[in-house]
């Protein structure tokens, strides 16, 4: 029986699987679809192809930290089993934290999508392959200032500050965001990041239509790396002139915020936004 205390999804399980498959089968190139799968996980469908950003679809962190001083108590229901996402063409991991690189999500996901492309920061290749038990050459690695076109999606690597822009001795970013261009649109999935000085100047030339930005903020008492807060996410949306979809809240009780603050700020600043519910579908035209 589903725990009553968990925030329910508006669409979940097999029903969500069927909806994604139907959208993919009847796709039109003049629009694209978005689903929020929780935390930083977003599924994008365009022209019959699906790209999945940073999925976390398990309870691995809740089990790992059970009984510790940092319990990861889940707030929301798991939207779908990863093995039911059998229509994915590209999946990303923006960095090595488990809610963005979860073996219990990615191993079954990769198994049911044998032709999938897996995009990661090149800096993380060895760690990633060890965690998900794949061949060392399997992931597609990017650094900032690099791009690759996969299945009609052009993916650009940009830095993320979590909490700093951390690089290897080779200068490769360990924490990244991805700007993705397809058809007439460009979207930005920031991964986990704080605001950094070059952020706006780096992103503005892409003419981003939709930005997926975290809003849970940076509270050192949580004992984890921080993110943008609602004020900063709204300011990024305003300075870029883009539609903002917030995320990274309502997953774990110790690391969340009320999205109503973001709504008030975005409304006051006249920034276009959508606050999505778990499993909710949004069609963009």
Protein backbone atom coordinates (compact mmCIF):
# COMPACT_ATOMS: atom_id res chain seq x y z
CA UNK A 1 0.00 0.00 0.00
CA UNK A 2 1.26 3.51 -0.87
CA UNK A 3 2.34 5.56 2.15
CA UNK A 4 -0.24 8.29 2.64
CA UNK A 5 2.38 10.81 3.74
CA UNK A 6 4.13 10.80 0.39
CA UNK A 7 3.36 13.48 -2.18
CA UNK A 8 1.57 11.62 -4.98
CA UNK A 9 2.37 11.89 -8.67
CA UNK A 10 -0.31 13.12 -11.04
CA UNK A 11 0.68 10.34 -13.43
CA UNK A 12 2.83 7.35 -12.56
CA UNK A 13 3.74 3.74 -13.26
CA UNK A 14 2.39 2.00 -16.33
CA UNK A 15 0.06 4.91 -17.09
CA UNK A 16 3.04 7.24 -17.34
CA UNK A 17 4.94 4.72 -19.46
CA UNK A 18 2.00 4.51 -21.87
CA UNK A 19 1.69 8.29 -22.05
CA UNK A 20 5.36 8.72 -22.92
CA UNK A 21 5.19 5.97 -25.55
CA UNK A 22 2.06 7.50 -27.11
CA UNK A 23 3.66 10.94 -27.21
CA UNK A 24 6.72 9.46 -28.89
CA UNK A 25 4.65 7.52 -31.44
CA UNK A 26 2.53 10.53 -32.43
CA UNK A 27 5.20 13.24 -32.06
CA UNK A 28 5.16 16.39 -34.15
CA UNK A 29 8.35 18.37 -34.87
CA UNK A 30 6.69 21.70 -34.01
CA UNK A 31 6.39 20.93 -30.28
CA UNK A 32 8.09 19.00 -27.53
CA UNK A 33 7.02 17.31 -24.30
CA UNK A 34 8.36 17.54 -20.75
CA UNK A 35 7.72 15.27 -17.76
CA UNK A 36 9.12 15.87 -14.27
CA UNK A 37 10.19 12.59 -12.69
CA UNK A 38 11.27 14.08 -9.35
CA UNK A 39 14.38 15.77 -7.94
CA UNK A 40 16.38 16.87 -11.04
CA UNK A 41 14.98 14.25 -13.39
CA UNK A 42 13.26 15.54 -16.53
CA UNK A 43 12.26 13.57 -19.61
CA UNK A 44 12.07 15.47 -22.90
CA UNK A 45 10.39 14.04 -26.01
CA UNK A 46 10.81 15.71 -29.38
CA UNK A 47 10.17 14.36 -32.87
CA UNK A 48 9.98 10.77 -31.62
CA UNK A 49 13.20 10.89 -29.57
CA UNK A 50 13.59 11.04 -25.78
CA UNK A 51 16.37 12.55 -23.69
CA UNK A 52 16.32 11.93 -19.93
CA UNK A 53 18.23 14.26 -17.60
CA UNK A 54 19.72 13.02 -14.31
CA UNK A 55 17.10 10.45 -13.23
CA UNK A 56 16.86 9.26 -9.62
CA UNK A 57 14.23 6.51 -9.51
CA UNK A 58 15.01 4.36 -6.48
CA UNK A 59 15.28 4.49 -2.69
CA UNK A 60 19.03 3.86 -2.64
CA UNK A 61 19.84 7.04 -0.70
CA UNK A 62 17.08 6.46 1.84
CA UNK A 63 18.50 3.01 2.58
CA UNK A 64 22.10 4.20 2.55
CA UNK A 65 21.53 6.93 5.14
CA UNK A 66 18.94 5.15 7.30
CA UNK A 67 19.90 5.40 10.95
CA UNK A 68 22.56 8.07 10.35
CA UNK A 69 22.71 11.73 11.32
CA UNK A 70 21.67 12.65 7.77
CA UNK A 71 18.57 10.54 6.98
CA UNK A 72 17.30 10.92 3.43
CA UNK A 73 13.62 10.61 4.26
CA UNK A 74 11.59 10.58 1.05
CA UNK A 75 8.78 13.14 0.65
CA UNK A 76 7.32 12.07 -2.69
CA UNK A 77 6.41 8.80 -4.32
CA UNK A 78 8.64 7.19 -6.91
CA UNK A 79 7.06 8.14 -10.20
CA UNK A 80 8.04 5.10 -12.29
CA UNK A 81 10.31 2.07 -12.20
CA UNK A 82 13.41 2.68 -14.31
CA UNK A 83 12.90 -0.56 -16.24
CA UNK A 84 9.57 0.80 -17.50
CA UNK A 85 11.35 3.69 -19.25
CA UNK A 86 12.06 1.58 -22.32
CA UNK A 87 11.84 4.44 -24.83
CA UNK A 88 14.91 6.51 -23.89
CA UNK A 89 17.42 7.52 -26.57
CA UNK A 90 19.80 9.63 -24.45
CA UNK A 91 20.38 9.82 -20.69
CA UNK A 92 22.64 12.23 -18.80
CA UNK A 93 24.47 12.39 -15.50
CA UNK A 94 25.68 15.89 -14.66
CA UNK A 95 27.90 14.81 -11.75
CA UNK A 96 28.69 11.91 -9.42
CA UNK A 97 26.25 12.50 -6.56
CA UNK A 98 23.87 9.57 -6.28
CA UNK A 99 20.67 11.54 -6.94
CA UNK A 100 22.22 12.30 -10.35
CA UNK A 101 24.18 9.07 -10.87
CA UNK A 102 22.19 6.26 -9.30
CA UNK A 103 23.21 2.70 -10.10
CA UNK A 104 19.77 1.36 -9.09
CA UNK A 105 18.22 3.67 -11.69
CA UNK A 106 20.79 3.56 -14.48
CA UNK A 107 21.65 -0.15 -14.61
CA UNK A 108 18.05 -1.27 -15.30
CA UNK A 109 17.45 1.77 -17.53
CA UNK A 110 20.43 0.95 -19.72
CA UNK A 111 19.40 -2.71 -19.86
CA UNK A 112 16.00 -1.95 -21.43
CA UNK A 113 17.44 0.65 -23.85
CA UNK A 114 20.29 -1.15 -25.61
CA UNK A 115 20.83 1.64 -28.17
CA UNK A 116 20.93 4.44 -25.59
CA UNK A 117 23.62 7.13 -25.48
CA UNK A 118 24.88 8.02 -21.99
CA UNK A 119 26.33 11.54 -21.66
CA UNK A 120 28.57 12.44 -18.71
CA UNK A 121 31.35 14.85 -17.77
CA UNK A 122 34.52 13.32 -19.21
CA UNK A 123 36.22 13.98 -15.87
CA UNK A 124 33.96 11.39 -14.22
CA UNK A 125 34.41 8.49 -16.67
CA UNK A 126 36.23 6.05 -14.38
CA UNK A 127 33.93 6.73 -11.41
CA UNK A 128 30.80 6.44 -13.57
CA UNK A 129 31.83 3.16 -15.19
CA UNK A 130 32.70 1.65 -11.83
CA UNK A 131 29.36 2.64 -10.33
CA UNK A 132 27.14 1.41 -13.15
CA UNK A 133 29.36 -1.53 -14.13
CA UNK A 134 29.71 -0.60 -17.80
CA UNK A 135 32.60 -0.73 -20.27
CA UNK A 136 35.01 2.18 -19.89
CA UNK A 137 34.35 3.35 -23.47
CA UNK A 138 30.55 3.24 -23.19
CA UNK A 139 29.71 6.73 -21.82
CA UNK A 140 30.06 9.79 -24.04
CA UNK A 141 32.19 12.31 -22.17
CA UNK A 142 31.96 16.08 -22.55
CA UNK A 143 33.84 18.98 -21.07
CA UNK A 144 32.74 22.61 -21.01
CA UNK A 145 33.17 24.32 -24.39
CA UNK A 146 32.52 20.98 -26.10
CA UNK A 147 29.46 19.76 -27.96
CA UNK A 148 28.17 16.63 -29.63
CA UNK A 149 25.11 15.85 -31.77
CA UNK A 150 23.28 12.66 -30.89
CA UNK A 151 20.00 11.61 -32.53
CA UNK A 152 19.22 15.21 -33.61
CA UNK A 153 19.99 16.69 -30.16
CA UNK A 154 23.07 18.94 -30.02
CA UNK A 155 24.41 18.86 -26.47
CA UNK A 156 26.77 21.56 -25.19
CA UNK A 157 28.72 21.17 -21.95
CA UNK A 158 28.76 24.13 -19.53
CA UNK A 159 30.32 24.41 -16.06
CA UNK A 160 28.39 23.98 -12.82
CA UNK A 161 29.53 25.25 -9.41
CA UNK A 162 28.70 22.64 -6.77
CA UNK A 163 29.87 24.37 -4.65
CA UNK A 164 32.81 25.48 -6.83
CA UNK A 165 33.70 24.90 -10.47
CA UNK A 166 35.90 21.90 -9.73
CA UNK A 167 38.30 20.63 -12.38
CA UNK A 168 40.74 17.75 -12.73
CA UNK A 169 44.44 18.29 -13.32
CA UNK A 170 43.55 18.12 -17.03
CA UNK A 171 41.15 21.04 -16.67
CA UNK A 172 38.00 18.91 -17.05
CA UNK A 173 34.82 19.91 -15.18
CA UNK A 174 33.58 17.43 -12.58
CA UNK A 175 30.20 19.18 -12.23
CA UNK A 176 28.39 20.24 -15.38
CA UNK A 177 25.19 21.48 -16.91
CA UNK A 178 23.96 20.72 -20.42
CA UNK A 179 22.53 23.10 -23.02
CA UNK A 180 20.60 21.08 -25.60
CA UNK A 181 19.44 22.38 -28.99
CA UNK A 182 16.84 20.56 -31.11
CA UNK A 183 14.46 21.77 -33.79
CA UNK A 184 13.76 25.46 -33.08
CA UNK A 185 14.36 25.17 -29.32
CA UNK A 186 17.22 25.31 -26.86
CA UNK A 187 16.92 24.13 -23.26
CA UNK A 188 19.30 24.25 -20.31
CA UNK A 189 19.55 21.65 -17.56
CA UNK A 190 21.89 23.15 -14.99
CA UNK A 191 22.63 20.02 -12.99
CA UNK A 192 23.40 21.13 -9.43
CA UNK A 193 24.94 24.59 -9.29
CA UNK A 194 25.37 27.82 -7.44
CA UNK A 195 25.52 31.16 -9.24
CA UNK A 196 28.98 31.91 -10.61
CA UNK A 197 30.38 35.06 -12.18
CA UNK A 198 30.45 33.95 -15.82
CA UNK A 199 27.12 32.14 -15.74
CA UNK A 200 24.97 34.70 -17.55
CA UNK A 201 27.59 35.61 -20.14
CA UNK A 202 28.17 31.92 -20.91
CA UNK A 203 24.48 31.09 -21.27
CA UNK A 204 23.07 34.21 -22.96
CA UNK A 205 24.41 33.45 -26.48
CA UNK A 206 22.43 30.18 -26.56
CA UNK A 207 19.06 32.02 -26.50
CA UNK A 208 17.63 29.46 -24.10
CA UNK A 209 13.88 28.85 -24.27
CA UNK A 210 13.47 26.74 -21.11
CA UNK A 211 15.86 26.53 -18.14
CA UNK A 212 15.59 23.75 -15.55
CA UNK A 213 17.05 25.27 -12.38
CA UNK A 214 17.36 24.01 -8.77
CA UNK A 215 15.82 26.18 -6.04
CA UNK A 216 16.69 24.34 -2.80
CA UNK A 217 19.44 26.83 -1.91
CA UNK A 218 22.72 26.52 -0.05
CA UNK A 219 22.35 25.70 3.65
CA UNK A 220 25.62 24.42 5.18
CA UNK A 221 23.73 22.90 8.14
CA UNK A 222 22.36 20.24 5.77
CA UNK A 223 25.87 18.85 5.30
CA UNK A 224 25.57 18.64 1.51
CA UNK A 225 26.65 20.83 -1.39
CA UNK A 226 24.27 23.66 -2.19
CA UNK A 227 22.31 25.01 -5.13
CA UNK A 228 20.67 28.12 -6.48
CA UNK A 229 17.86 29.49 -4.36
CA UNK A 230 14.53 30.82 -5.59
CA UNK A 231 15.79 34.42 -5.82
CA UNK A 232 18.77 33.39 -7.94
CA UNK A 233 16.74 31.11 -10.21
CA UNK A 234 14.31 33.95 -10.89
CA UNK A 235 17.16 36.37 -11.61
CA UNK A 236 18.72 33.92 -14.06
CA UNK A 237 15.37 33.60 -15.81
CA UNK A 238 15.02 37.39 -15.94
CA UNK A 239 18.53 38.06 -17.22
CA UNK A 240 18.33 35.31 -19.85
CA UNK A 241 14.74 36.11 -20.81
CA UNK A 242 13.85 32.45 -20.48
CA UNK A 243 11.07 30.30 -19.07
CA UNK A 244 12.14 28.65 -15.80
CA UNK A 245 11.09 25.24 -14.50
CA UNK A 246 12.32 24.78 -10.91
CA UNK A 247 13.46 21.48 -9.42
CA UNK A 248 15.48 19.82 -6.64
CA UNK A 249 12.80 20.04 -3.95
CA UNK A 250 10.19 17.70 -2.42
CA UNK A 251 12.45 14.64 -2.63
CA UNK A 252 14.15 14.55 0.79
CA UNK A 253 12.85 16.27 3.92
CA UNK A 254 16.26 17.53 5.02
CA UNK A 255 17.03 19.23 1.68
CA UNK A 256 13.96 20.96 0.29
CA UNK A 257 12.10 24.27 0.07
CA UNK A 258 8.56 25.44 -0.56
CA UNK A 259 8.24 26.29 -4.29
CA UNK A 260 5.62 28.92 -3.43
CA UNK A 261 8.45 31.38 -2.72
CA UNK A 262 9.73 30.87 -6.25
CA UNK A 263 6.21 31.40 -7.64
CA UNK A 264 5.81 34.71 -5.77
CA UNK A 265 9.20 36.00 -6.87
CA UNK A 266 8.83 34.91 -10.50
CA UNK A 267 5.36 36.47 -10.67
CA UNK A 268 6.64 39.75 -9.20
CA UNK A 269 9.56 39.86 -11.64
CA UNK A 270 7.36 38.87 -14.60
CA UNK A 271 9.52 35.81 -15.34
CA UNK A 272 7.73 33.10 -17.29
CA UNK A 273 7.68 29.83 -15.35
CA UNK A 274 6.02 26.47 -14.84
CA UNK A 275 6.03 24.67 -11.49
CA UNK A 276 5.45 21.06 -12.45
CA UNK A 277 3.92 18.32 -10.32
CA UNK A 278 5.44 14.87 -10.12
CA UNK A 279 4.72 12.91 -13.29
CA UNK A 280 3.09 15.96 -14.87
CA UNK A 281 3.24 16.48 -18.62
CA UNK A 282 3.88 19.83 -20.29
CA UNK A 283 3.71 20.38 -24.05
CA UNK A 284 5.76 23.29 -25.38
CA UNK A 285 4.93 24.89 -28.75
